[in-house]
Amino acid sequence: MFERRSAPRTLLNEIGSISVDEHRSLPCIVYDRSAGGIRIALPEAEIVPDRFVLSLDACNEILICRAVWRKREEIGAATEMTDPVRPEKLDLRRELETA
C-alpha cells in the first residue's frame, strides 16, 4: 500500500479535549500524532470547527489545529503550532485569530 504521510506517526491513545468555544470543550481520544498532524476521535466530530484548540492531558500541551479530513467520529488535523503552549499563558481568541 502506498504511504501518503510525509512523517511517521506515533500511536498515543491519550485523553484530550477540544475547545469548541470559550465556554465549552469536548473530550476526545488522540489516537496518533506525527510531526505535522494528529488524528482524534470523538462522538460529535461534526460540531468541531475547522480551526480548534486541542489540549493533551498527559503532557499538558496545547495545540492549534486545522481540520484536514473528517469521518463520522474522527478528525485528521494539521497542527499549526509545534512548540508547546503553557495553558496559563494562552489567549484562545488571539491564538485562533492569528492561526
N, C-alpha and C. Protein backbone atom coordinates (compact mmCIF):
# COMPACT_ATOMS: atom_id res chain seq x y z
N MET A 1 0.83 -1.18 0.00
CA MET A 1 0.00 0.00 0.00
C MET A 1 0.88 1.25 0.00
N PHE A 2 0.51 2.25 -0.77
CA PHE A 2 1.27 3.48 -0.89
C PHE A 2 1.06 4.37 0.34
N GLU A 3 2.14 4.82 0.95
CA GLU A 3 2.07 5.68 2.13
C GLU A 3 2.09 7.14 1.72
N ARG A 4 1.04 7.89 2.06
CA ARG A 4 0.92 9.30 1.67
C ARG A 4 1.44 10.26 2.74
N ARG A 5 1.69 9.78 3.91
CA ARG A 5 2.11 10.65 5.01
C ARG A 5 3.56 11.10 4.80
N SER A 6 3.82 12.37 5.14
CA SER A 6 5.17 12.89 5.00
C SER A 6 6.04 12.60 6.22
N ALA A 7 5.42 12.23 7.33
CA ALA A 7 6.17 11.93 8.55
C ALA A 7 5.54 10.71 9.23
N PRO A 8 6.35 9.89 9.90
CA PRO A 8 5.79 8.72 10.59
C PRO A 8 4.90 9.13 11.76
N ARG A 9 3.92 8.29 12.07
CA ARG A 9 3.01 8.56 13.17
C ARG A 9 3.42 7.78 14.41
N THR A 10 3.13 8.39 15.57
CA THR A 10 3.35 7.75 16.85
C THR A 10 1.99 7.46 17.47
N LEU A 11 1.74 6.21 17.83
CA LEU A 11 0.48 5.85 18.48
C LEU A 11 0.46 6.43 19.88
N LEU A 12 -0.64 7.07 20.25
CA LEU A 12 -0.75 7.69 21.57
C LEU A 12 -1.88 7.11 22.41
N ASN A 13 -3.11 7.11 21.89
CA ASN A 13 -4.29 6.71 22.64
C ASN A 13 -4.36 7.43 23.98
N GLU A 14 -4.28 8.76 23.93
CA GLU A 14 -4.34 9.60 25.12
C GLU A 14 -5.62 10.41 25.15
N ILE A 15 -6.01 10.79 26.34
CA ILE A 15 -7.21 11.61 26.51
C ILE A 15 -6.85 13.07 26.31
N GLY A 16 -7.74 13.77 25.62
CA GLY A 16 -7.57 15.20 25.41
C GLY A 16 -8.91 15.89 25.40
N SER A 17 -8.90 17.18 25.10
CA SER A 17 -10.16 17.91 24.97
C SER A 17 -10.02 18.97 23.89
N ILE A 18 -11.12 19.21 23.20
CA ILE A 18 -11.17 20.19 22.13
C ILE A 18 -12.01 21.36 22.60
N SER A 19 -11.46 22.56 22.52
CA SER A 19 -12.22 23.76 22.87
C SER A 19 -13.08 24.15 21.67
N VAL A 20 -14.37 24.05 21.83
CA VAL A 20 -15.31 24.39 20.76
C VAL A 20 -15.52 25.90 20.74
N ASP A 21 -15.59 26.52 21.90
CA ASP A 21 -15.68 27.97 22.03
C ASP A 21 -15.11 28.31 23.41
N GLU A 22 -15.28 29.55 23.84
CA GLU A 22 -14.68 29.97 25.11
C GLU A 22 -15.28 29.29 26.33
N HIS A 23 -16.46 28.71 26.19
CA HIS A 23 -17.16 28.17 27.34
C HIS A 23 -17.40 26.66 27.29
N ARG A 24 -17.04 26.03 26.20
CA ARG A 24 -17.38 24.62 26.04
C ARG A 24 -16.22 23.84 25.43
N SER A 25 -15.98 22.66 25.98
CA SER A 25 -14.98 21.77 25.41
C SER A 25 -15.54 20.36 25.34
N LEU A 26 -14.98 19.57 24.43
CA LEU A 26 -15.43 18.20 24.21
C LEU A 26 -14.29 17.24 24.49
N PRO A 27 -14.54 16.18 25.26
CA PRO A 27 -13.49 15.19 25.48
C PRO A 27 -13.24 14.40 24.19
N CYS A 28 -11.99 13.99 24.01
CA CYS A 28 -11.63 13.21 22.82
C CYS A 28 -10.51 12.25 23.16
N ILE A 29 -10.23 11.37 22.23
CA ILE A 29 -9.09 10.46 22.33
C ILE A 29 -8.15 10.79 21.18
N VAL A 30 -6.90 11.02 21.50
CA VAL A 30 -5.89 11.29 20.48
C VAL A 30 -5.26 9.95 20.13
N TYR A 31 -5.59 9.45 18.94
CA TYR A 31 -5.11 8.14 18.51
C TYR A 31 -3.63 8.16 18.16
N ASP A 32 -3.25 9.08 17.30
CA ASP A 32 -1.86 9.13 16.89
C ASP A 32 -1.47 10.53 16.48
N ARG A 33 -0.16 10.73 16.34
CA ARG A 33 0.39 12.05 16.06
C ARG A 33 1.65 11.91 15.21
N SER A 34 1.83 12.87 14.32
CA SER A 34 3.07 12.95 13.53
C SER A 34 3.64 14.36 13.74
N ALA A 35 4.71 14.68 13.05
CA ALA A 35 5.33 15.99 13.20
C ALA A 35 4.39 17.13 12.82
N GLY A 36 3.48 16.88 11.89
CA GLY A 36 2.61 17.97 11.45
C GLY A 36 1.12 17.68 11.54
N GLY A 37 0.75 16.54 12.15
CA GLY A 37 -0.66 16.21 12.18
C GLY A 37 -1.05 15.35 13.35
N ILE A 38 -2.35 15.21 13.49
CA ILE A 38 -2.89 14.46 14.62
C ILE A 38 -4.22 13.83 14.21
N ARG A 39 -4.54 12.66 14.76
CA ARG A 39 -5.82 12.01 14.49
C ARG A 39 -6.54 11.82 15.81
N ILE A 40 -7.76 12.33 15.88
CA ILE A 40 -8.52 12.29 17.12
C ILE A 40 -9.89 11.66 16.87
N ALA A 41 -10.47 11.14 17.92
CA ALA A 41 -11.81 10.54 17.85
C ALA A 41 -12.69 11.15 18.93
N LEU A 42 -13.94 11.43 18.56
CA LEU A 42 -14.93 11.91 19.50
C LEU A 42 -16.31 11.70 18.88
N PRO A 43 -17.32 11.50 19.72
CA PRO A 43 -18.65 11.20 19.19
C PRO A 43 -19.27 12.32 18.37
N GLU A 44 -18.93 13.56 18.64
CA GLU A 44 -19.57 14.69 17.96
C GLU A 44 -18.59 15.43 17.05
N ALA A 45 -17.91 14.71 16.18
CA ALA A 45 -16.89 15.31 15.32
C ALA A 45 -17.46 16.40 14.42
N GLU A 46 -18.73 16.29 14.05
CA GLU A 46 -19.32 17.26 13.12
C GLU A 46 -19.48 18.65 13.73
N ILE A 47 -19.50 18.80 15.05
CA ILE A 47 -19.67 20.14 15.64
C ILE A 47 -18.35 20.84 15.93
N VAL A 48 -17.24 20.16 15.69
CA VAL A 48 -15.93 20.77 15.90
C VAL A 48 -15.66 21.73 14.74
N PRO A 49 -15.27 22.98 15.03
CA PRO A 49 -14.98 23.94 13.96
C PRO A 49 -13.75 23.53 13.15
N ASP A 50 -13.55 24.17 12.00
CA ASP A 50 -12.39 23.86 11.15
C ASP A 50 -11.08 24.15 11.86
N ARG A 51 -11.03 25.21 12.64
CA ARG A 51 -9.85 25.52 13.46
C ARG A 51 -10.25 25.36 14.92
N PHE A 52 -9.41 24.67 15.68
CA PHE A 52 -9.75 24.41 17.08
C PHE A 52 -8.50 24.29 17.93
N VAL A 53 -8.70 24.36 19.23
CA VAL A 53 -7.62 24.21 20.19
C VAL A 53 -7.75 22.84 20.83
N LEU A 54 -6.66 22.07 20.79
CA LEU A 54 -6.62 20.73 21.35
C LEU A 54 -5.70 20.72 22.56
N SER A 55 -6.22 20.26 23.70
CA SER A 55 -5.42 20.12 24.92
C SER A 55 -5.12 18.64 25.12
N LEU A 56 -3.84 18.31 25.25
CA LEU A 56 -3.41 16.94 25.52
C LEU A 56 -3.17 16.82 27.02
N ASP A 57 -3.99 16.04 27.70
CA ASP A 57 -3.94 15.97 29.16
C ASP A 57 -2.63 15.39 29.70
N ALA A 58 -2.16 14.30 29.12
CA ALA A 58 -1.00 13.59 29.67
C ALA A 58 0.28 14.43 29.67
N CYS A 59 0.48 15.24 28.63
CA CYS A 59 1.72 16.02 28.55
C CYS A 59 1.48 17.51 28.78
N ASN A 60 0.25 17.88 29.15
CA ASN A 60 -0.09 19.27 29.44
C ASN A 60 0.32 20.19 28.29
N GLU A 61 -0.01 19.76 27.07
CA GLU A 61 0.34 20.50 25.86
C GLU A 61 -0.93 20.99 25.18
N ILE A 62 -0.85 22.17 24.57
CA ILE A 62 -1.98 22.73 23.85
C ILE A 62 -1.55 23.00 22.41
N LEU A 63 -2.36 22.54 21.45
CA LEU A 63 -2.05 22.70 20.03
C LEU A 63 -3.18 23.42 19.31
N ILE A 64 -2.82 24.29 18.39
CA ILE A 64 -3.78 24.91 17.49
C ILE A 64 -3.86 23.99 16.27
N CYS A 65 -5.06 23.56 15.91
CA CYS A 65 -5.23 22.58 14.84
C CYS A 65 -6.18 23.08 13.76
N ARG A 66 -6.00 22.54 12.55
CA ARG A 66 -6.87 22.83 11.41
C ARG A 66 -7.32 21.49 10.84
N ALA A 67 -8.64 21.27 10.82
CA ALA A 67 -9.19 20.01 10.32
C ALA A 67 -8.85 19.86 8.84
N VAL A 68 -8.33 18.68 8.48
CA VAL A 68 -7.97 18.37 7.09
C VAL A 68 -8.99 17.39 6.51
N TRP A 69 -9.42 16.43 7.31
CA TRP A 69 -10.44 15.47 6.89
C TRP A 69 -11.30 15.11 8.09
N ARG A 70 -12.49 14.62 7.79
CA ARG A 70 -13.44 14.23 8.83
C ARG A 70 -14.13 12.94 8.44
N LYS A 71 -14.39 12.13 9.43
CA LYS A 71 -15.26 10.98 9.31
C LYS A 71 -16.33 11.16 10.38
N ARG A 72 -17.20 10.21 10.49
CA ARG A 72 -18.30 10.35 11.44
C ARG A 72 -17.82 10.64 12.86
N GLU A 73 -16.82 9.91 13.34
CA GLU A 73 -16.34 10.09 14.71
C GLU A 73 -14.83 10.32 14.78
N GLU A 74 -14.22 10.78 13.71
CA GLU A 74 -12.78 11.05 13.69
C GLU A 74 -12.49 12.33 12.93
N ILE A 75 -11.40 12.95 13.31
CA ILE A 75 -10.90 14.14 12.61
C ILE A 75 -9.40 13.97 12.43
N GLY A 76 -8.92 14.23 11.23
CA GLY A 76 -7.49 14.32 10.98
C GLY A 76 -7.18 15.79 10.85
N ALA A 77 -6.21 16.27 11.60
CA ALA A 77 -5.93 17.70 11.61
C ALA A 77 -4.44 17.98 11.49
N ALA A 78 -4.14 19.10 10.87
CA ALA A 78 -2.77 19.61 10.82
C ALA A 78 -2.55 20.45 12.07
N THR A 79 -1.41 20.28 12.68
CA THR A 79 -1.08 21.10 13.85
C THR A 79 -0.36 22.34 13.36
N GLU A 80 -0.85 23.48 13.78
CA GLU A 80 -0.30 24.75 13.32
C GLU A 80 0.70 25.35 14.28
N MET A 81 0.86 24.72 15.43
CA MET A 81 1.80 25.22 16.42
C MET A 81 2.63 24.04 16.88
N THR A 82 3.94 24.10 16.69
CA THR A 82 4.78 22.97 17.05
C THR A 82 5.36 23.09 18.45
N ASP A 83 5.48 24.31 18.99
CA ASP A 83 6.00 24.49 20.33
C ASP A 83 4.87 24.40 21.34
N PRO A 84 5.08 23.69 22.44
CA PRO A 84 4.04 23.59 23.45
C PRO A 84 3.71 24.97 24.02
N VAL A 85 2.45 25.17 24.33
CA VAL A 85 1.99 26.42 24.91
C VAL A 85 1.57 26.14 26.33
N ARG A 86 1.98 26.98 27.25
CA ARG A 86 1.56 26.82 28.63
C ARG A 86 0.12 27.31 28.77
N PRO A 87 -0.75 26.49 29.35
CA PRO A 87 -2.16 26.85 29.44
C PRO A 87 -2.41 28.20 30.11
N GLU A 88 -1.64 28.55 31.11
CA GLU A 88 -1.89 29.80 31.81
C GLU A 88 -1.53 31.03 30.97
N LYS A 89 -0.81 30.85 29.87
CA LYS A 89 -0.41 31.97 29.02
C LYS A 89 -1.16 31.99 27.69
N LEU A 90 -2.15 31.15 27.54
CA LEU A 90 -2.84 31.04 26.27
C LEU A 90 -4.08 31.92 26.24
N ASP A 91 -4.17 32.76 25.23
CA ASP A 91 -5.37 33.56 24.96
C ASP A 91 -6.03 32.91 23.75
N LEU A 92 -7.08 32.11 23.97
CA LEU A 92 -7.69 31.32 22.90
C LEU A 92 -8.16 32.18 21.74
N ARG A 93 -8.79 33.30 22.02
CA ARG A 93 -9.29 34.15 20.95
C ARG A 93 -8.14 34.64 20.07
N ARG A 94 -7.06 35.10 20.67
CA ARG A 94 -5.92 35.62 19.91
C ARG A 94 -5.25 34.51 19.12
N GLU A 95 -5.08 33.33 19.71
CA GLU A 95 -4.43 32.22 19.02
C GLU A 95 -5.22 31.78 17.79
N LEU A 96 -6.54 31.70 17.89
CA LEU A 96 -7.34 31.28 16.75
C LEU A 96 -7.39 32.35 15.68
N GLU A 97 -7.36 33.63 16.05
CA GLU A 97 -7.39 34.70 15.05
C GLU A 97 -6.08 34.78 14.28
N THR A 98 -4.94 34.49 14.92
CA THR A 98 -3.67 34.60 14.24
C THR A 98 -3.29 33.32 13.50
N ALA A 99 -3.96 32.21 13.81
CA ALA A 99 -3.62 30.93 13.18
C ALA A 99 -4.13 30.88 11.75
